[in-house]
C-alpha atoms as a PDB file:
ATOM      1  CA  MET A   1     -75.889  -9.486  15.008  1.00  0.00           C
ATOM      2  CA  GLN A   2     -73.385  -9.960  17.842  1.00  0.00           C
ATOM      3  CA  ILE A   3     -73.906 -12.139  20.827  1.00  0.00           C
ATOM      4  CA  ASP A   4     -71.781 -12.023  23.879  1.00  0.00           C
ATOM      5  CA  ILE A   5     -72.178 -14.542  26.556  1.00  0.00           C
ATOM      6  CA  ARG A   6     -70.460 -14.565  29.820  1.00  0.00           C
ATOM      7  CA  GLY A   7     -70.716 -16.272  33.376  1.00  0.00           C
ATOM      8  CA  VAL A   8     -70.853 -14.176  36.349  1.00  0.00           C
ATOM      9  CA  GLU A   9     -68.782 -15.898  38.934  1.00  0.00           C
ATOM     10  CA  THR A  10     -69.944 -19.155  37.021  1.00  0.00           C
ATOM     11  CA  GLU A  11     -68.089 -21.417  34.973  1.00  0.00           C
ATOM     12  CA  LEU A  12     -70.558 -21.855  31.766  1.00  0.00           C
ATOM     13  CA  THR A  13     -70.371 -25.324  29.831  1.00  0.00           C
ATOM     14  CA  ASP A  14     -70.450 -25.450  26.152  1.00  0.00           C
ATOM     15  CA  ASP A  15     -73.877 -26.648  26.118  1.00  0.00           C
ATOM     16  CA  VAL A  16     -75.191 -23.832  28.218  1.00  0.00           C
ATOM     17  CA  LYS A  17     -73.552 -21.500  25.858  1.00  0.00           C
ATOM     18  CA  LYS A  18     -74.894 -23.035  22.767  1.00  0.00           C
ATOM     19  CA  TYR A  19     -78.536 -22.962  24.331  1.00  0.00           C
ATOM     20  CA  ALA A  20     -78.315 -19.358  25.328  1.00  0.00           C
ATOM     21  CA  ALA A  21     -76.763 -18.414  21.905  1.00  0.00           C
ATOM     22  CA  GLU A  22     -79.689 -20.283  19.947  1.00  0.00           C
ATOM     23  CA  LYS A  23     -82.321 -18.377  22.217  1.00  0.00           C
ATOM     24  CA  ALA A  24     -80.697 -15.138  21.377  1.00  0.00           C
ATOM     25  CA  GLU A  25     -80.548 -15.902  17.718  1.00  0.00           C
ATOM     26  CA  LYS A  26     -84.352 -16.049  17.719  1.00  0.00           C
ATOM     27  CA  PHE A  27     -84.392 -12.238  18.362  1.00  0.00           C
ATOM     28  CA  ALA A  28     -83.685 -11.720  14.610  1.00  0.00           C
ATOM     29  CA  LYS A  29     -87.038 -12.926  13.359  1.00  0.00           C
ATOM     30  CA  TYR A  30     -88.730  -9.804  14.627  1.00  0.00           C
ATOM     31  CA  GLY A  31     -87.222  -7.712  11.755  1.00  0.00           C
ATOM     32  CA  ILE A  32     -85.948  -5.097  14.288  1.00  0.00           C
ATOM     33  CA  ASN A  33     -82.135  -3.767  13.583  1.00  0.00           C
ATOM     34  CA  ILE A  34     -80.568  -5.501  16.561  1.00  0.00           C
ATOM     35  CA  ILE A  35     -76.866  -4.506  16.935  1.00  0.00           C
ATOM     36  CA  GLY A  36     -75.953  -7.067  19.549  1.00  0.00           C
ATOM     37  CA  VAL A  37     -77.082  -9.009  22.535  1.00  0.00           C
ATOM     38  CA  GLU A  38     -75.172  -9.321  25.791  1.00  0.00           C
ATOM     39  CA  LEU A  39     -76.047 -12.228  28.106  1.00  0.00           C
ATOM     40  CA  ALA A  40     -74.860 -12.442  31.678  1.00  0.00           C
ATOM     41  CA  LEU A  41     -75.450 -15.906  33.224  1.00  0.00           C
ATOM     42  CA  GLU A  42     -75.038 -16.446  36.954  1.00  0.00           C
ATOM     43  CA  GLU A  43     -75.913 -19.670  38.944  1.00  0.00           C
ATOM     44  CA  ASP A  44     -76.083 -19.324  42.740  1.00  0.00           C
ATOM     45  CA  HIS A  45     -76.302 -22.890  44.457  1.00  0.00           C
ATOM     46  CA  ASN A  46     -77.032 -21.154  47.988  1.00  0.00           C
ATOM     47  CA  LYS A  47     -80.446 -19.896  46.895  1.00  0.00           C
ATOM     48  CA  THR A  48     -83.742 -21.821  46.884  1.00  0.00           C
ATOM     49  CA  GLU A  49     -84.202 -24.400  44.315  1.00  0.00           C
ATOM     50  CA  ASP A  50     -86.718 -22.298  42.119  1.00  0.00           C
ATOM     51  CA  LYS A  51     -84.302 -19.256  41.830  1.00  0.00           C
ATOM     52  CA  ALA A  52     -80.905 -20.773  41.460  1.00  0.00           C
ATOM     53  CA  GLY A  53     -80.364 -19.516  37.817  1.00  0.00           C
ATOM     54  CA  PHE A  54     -80.234 -15.926  36.958  1.00  0.00           C
ATOM     55  CA  VAL A  55     -79.878 -14.397  33.321  1.00  0.00           C
ATOM     56  CA  LYS A  56     -79.547 -10.646  32.390  1.00  0.00           C
ATOM     57  CA  ALA A  57     -79.850  -9.660  28.662  1.00  0.00           C
ATOM     58  CA  LEU A  58     -78.930  -6.389  27.147  1.00  0.00           C
ATOM     59  CA  ILE A  59     -80.441  -6.137  23.721  1.00  0.00           C
ATOM     60  CA  LYS A  60     -78.877  -3.096  21.715  1.00  0.00           C
ATOM     61  CA  ILE A  61     -80.940  -1.490  19.099  1.00  0.00           C
ATOM     62  CA  PRO A  62     -80.560   1.895  17.534  1.00  0.00           C
ATOM     63  CA  GLY A  63     -82.057   4.650  19.870  1.00  0.00           C
ATOM     64  CA  LYS A  64     -83.159   2.424  22.904  1.00  0.00           C
ATOM     65  CA  ASP A  65     -81.649  -0.662  24.419  1.00  0.00           C
ATOM     66  CA  ILE A  66     -83.850  -3.418  26.087  1.00  0.00           C
ATOM     67  CA  ALA A  67     -82.764  -4.997  29.330  1.00  0.00           C
ATOM     68  CA  VAL A  68     -84.475  -8.175  30.288  1.00  0.00           C
ATOM     69  CA  LYS A  69     -84.061 -10.637  33.294  1.00  0.00           C
ATOM     70  CA  GLY A  70     -85.019 -14.152  33.820  1.00  0.00           C
ATOM     71  CA  GLU A  71     -84.969 -16.373  37.103  1.00  0.00           C
ATOM     72  CA  GLY A  72     -85.456 -20.181  37.175  1.00  0.00           C
ATOM     73  CA  LYS A  73     -84.434 -23.330  39.018  1.00  0.00           C
ATOM     74  CA  ASN A  74     -81.380 -23.648  36.713  1.00  0.00           C
ATOM     75  CA  LEU A  75     -79.680 -21.711  33.892  1.00  0.00           C
ATOM     76  CA  TYR A  76     -81.840 -23.365  31.068  1.00  0.00           C
ATOM     77  CA  ALA A  77     -85.073 -22.407  32.807  1.00  0.00           C
ATOM     78  CA  ALA A  78     -83.683 -18.882  33.435  1.00  0.00           C
ATOM     79  CA  ILE A  79     -82.569 -18.636  29.792  1.00  0.00           C
ATOM     80  CA  ASP A  80     -86.266 -19.700  28.690  1.00  0.00           C
ATOM     81  CA  LYS A  81     -87.763 -17.008  30.952  1.00  0.00           C
ATOM     82  CA  MET A  82     -85.543 -14.206  29.752  1.00  0.00           C
ATOM     83  CA  GLU A  83     -86.279 -15.338  26.074  1.00  0.00           C
ATOM     84  CA  GLU A  84     -89.876 -15.150  26.686  1.00  0.00           C
ATOM     85  CA  ARG A  85     -89.777 -11.788  28.021  1.00  0.00           C
ATOM     86  CA  ALA A  86     -87.412 -10.346  25.510  1.00  0.00           C
ATOM     87  CA  SER A  87     -89.722 -11.588  22.675  1.00  0.00           C
ATOM     88  CA  ARG A  88     -92.563  -9.898  24.311  1.00  0.00           C
ATOM     89  CA  GLU A  89     -90.439  -6.705  24.323  1.00  0.00           C
ATOM     90  CA  LEU A  90     -89.301  -6.993  20.958  1.00  0.00           C
ATOM     91  CA  ARG A  91     -92.888  -7.835  19.671  1.00  0.00           C
ATOM     92  CA  GLU A  92     -94.353  -4.812  21.256  1.00  0.00           C
ATOM     93  CA  LEU A  93     -91.727  -2.620  19.746  1.00  0.00           C
ATOM     94  CA  LYS A  94     -92.223  -4.079  16.334  1.00  0.00           C
ATOM     95  CA  ASN A  95     -95.823  -3.649  16.647  1.00  0.00           C
ATOM     96  CA  LYS A  96     -95.460  -0.096  17.784  1.00  0.00           C
ATOM     97  CA  ASN A  97     -93.281   0.704  14.806  1.00  0.00           C
ATOM     98  CA  LEU A  98     -95.751  -0.558  12.128  1.00  0.00           C
ATOM     99  CA  PRO A  99     -98.007   1.733  10.221  1.00  0.00           C
ATOM    100  CA  LYS A 100    -101.664   1.250  11.017  1.00  0.00           C
ATOM    101  CA  SER A 101    -103.363   0.903   7.552  1.00  0.00           C
ATOM    102  CA  LYS A 102    -102.481   0.217   3.888  1.00  0.00           C
ATOM    103  CA  LEU A 103    -102.717   3.940   3.111  1.00  0.00           C
ATOM    104  CA  ALA A 104    -100.174   4.735   5.855  1.00  0.00           C
ATOM    105  CA  ARG A 105     -98.006   2.125   4.525  1.00  0.00           C
ATOM    106  CA  SER A 106     -98.175   3.176   1.005  1.00  0.00           C
ATOM    107  CA  LYS A 107     -97.421   6.903   2.134  1.00  0.00           C
ATOM    108  CA  GLU A 108     -94.450   5.615   3.918  1.00  0.00           C
ATOM    109  CA  ILE A 109     -93.108   3.824   0.864  1.00  0.00           C
ATOM    110  CA  VAL A 110     -93.503   6.916  -1.055  1.00  0.00           C
ATOM    111  CA  ARG A 111     -91.764   8.903   1.258  1.00  0.00           C
ATOM    112  CA  GLN A 112     -88.797   6.414   1.486  1.00  0.00           C
ATOM    113  CA  LEU A 113     -88.614   6.519  -2.253  1.00  0.00           C
ATOM    114  CA  PHE A 114     -88.299  10.317  -2.411  1.00  0.00           C
ATOM    115  CA  ARG A 115     -85.714  10.445   0.424  1.00  0.00           C
ATOM    116  CA  ARG A 116     -83.332   8.305  -1.347  1.00  0.00           C
ATOM    117  CA  GLY A 117     -83.730   9.927  -4.788  1.00  0.00           C
END
C-alpha cells in the first residue's frame, strides 16, 4: 500500500507526517485490497480554534475510491477524525462483501477453486 502525504499551503513537520502515516497504515487491517492512500493536510490559522486543521483522504481500492474528510482544532485532531470516518467506511465495505452464512462461504470457496483450475 502506497501512502502519499502532502501539505496544502502548509509546511508539515516530520512528526505530523509520521502520525498521519501510522493512522493510514491501520487501514490495512480490514483485509481490503487497498492500492494507495493520498492524504492532503491543511492548517488555517485564521479560522476558529475548533476548525483550524483539515484533512482530506482518498483511499484507492479496485472498483471504487473512498473519499473522507476530517476537521479538528489542529492537524492531529483532524487526522484522528479522518481515521475514524475512514475506518467506518472500510468496515462497512468489508461487511458488505462478506458472505452471509457458512453455506454461502463454502460455496464461494468451491467457486474459487474451480475458477483457478
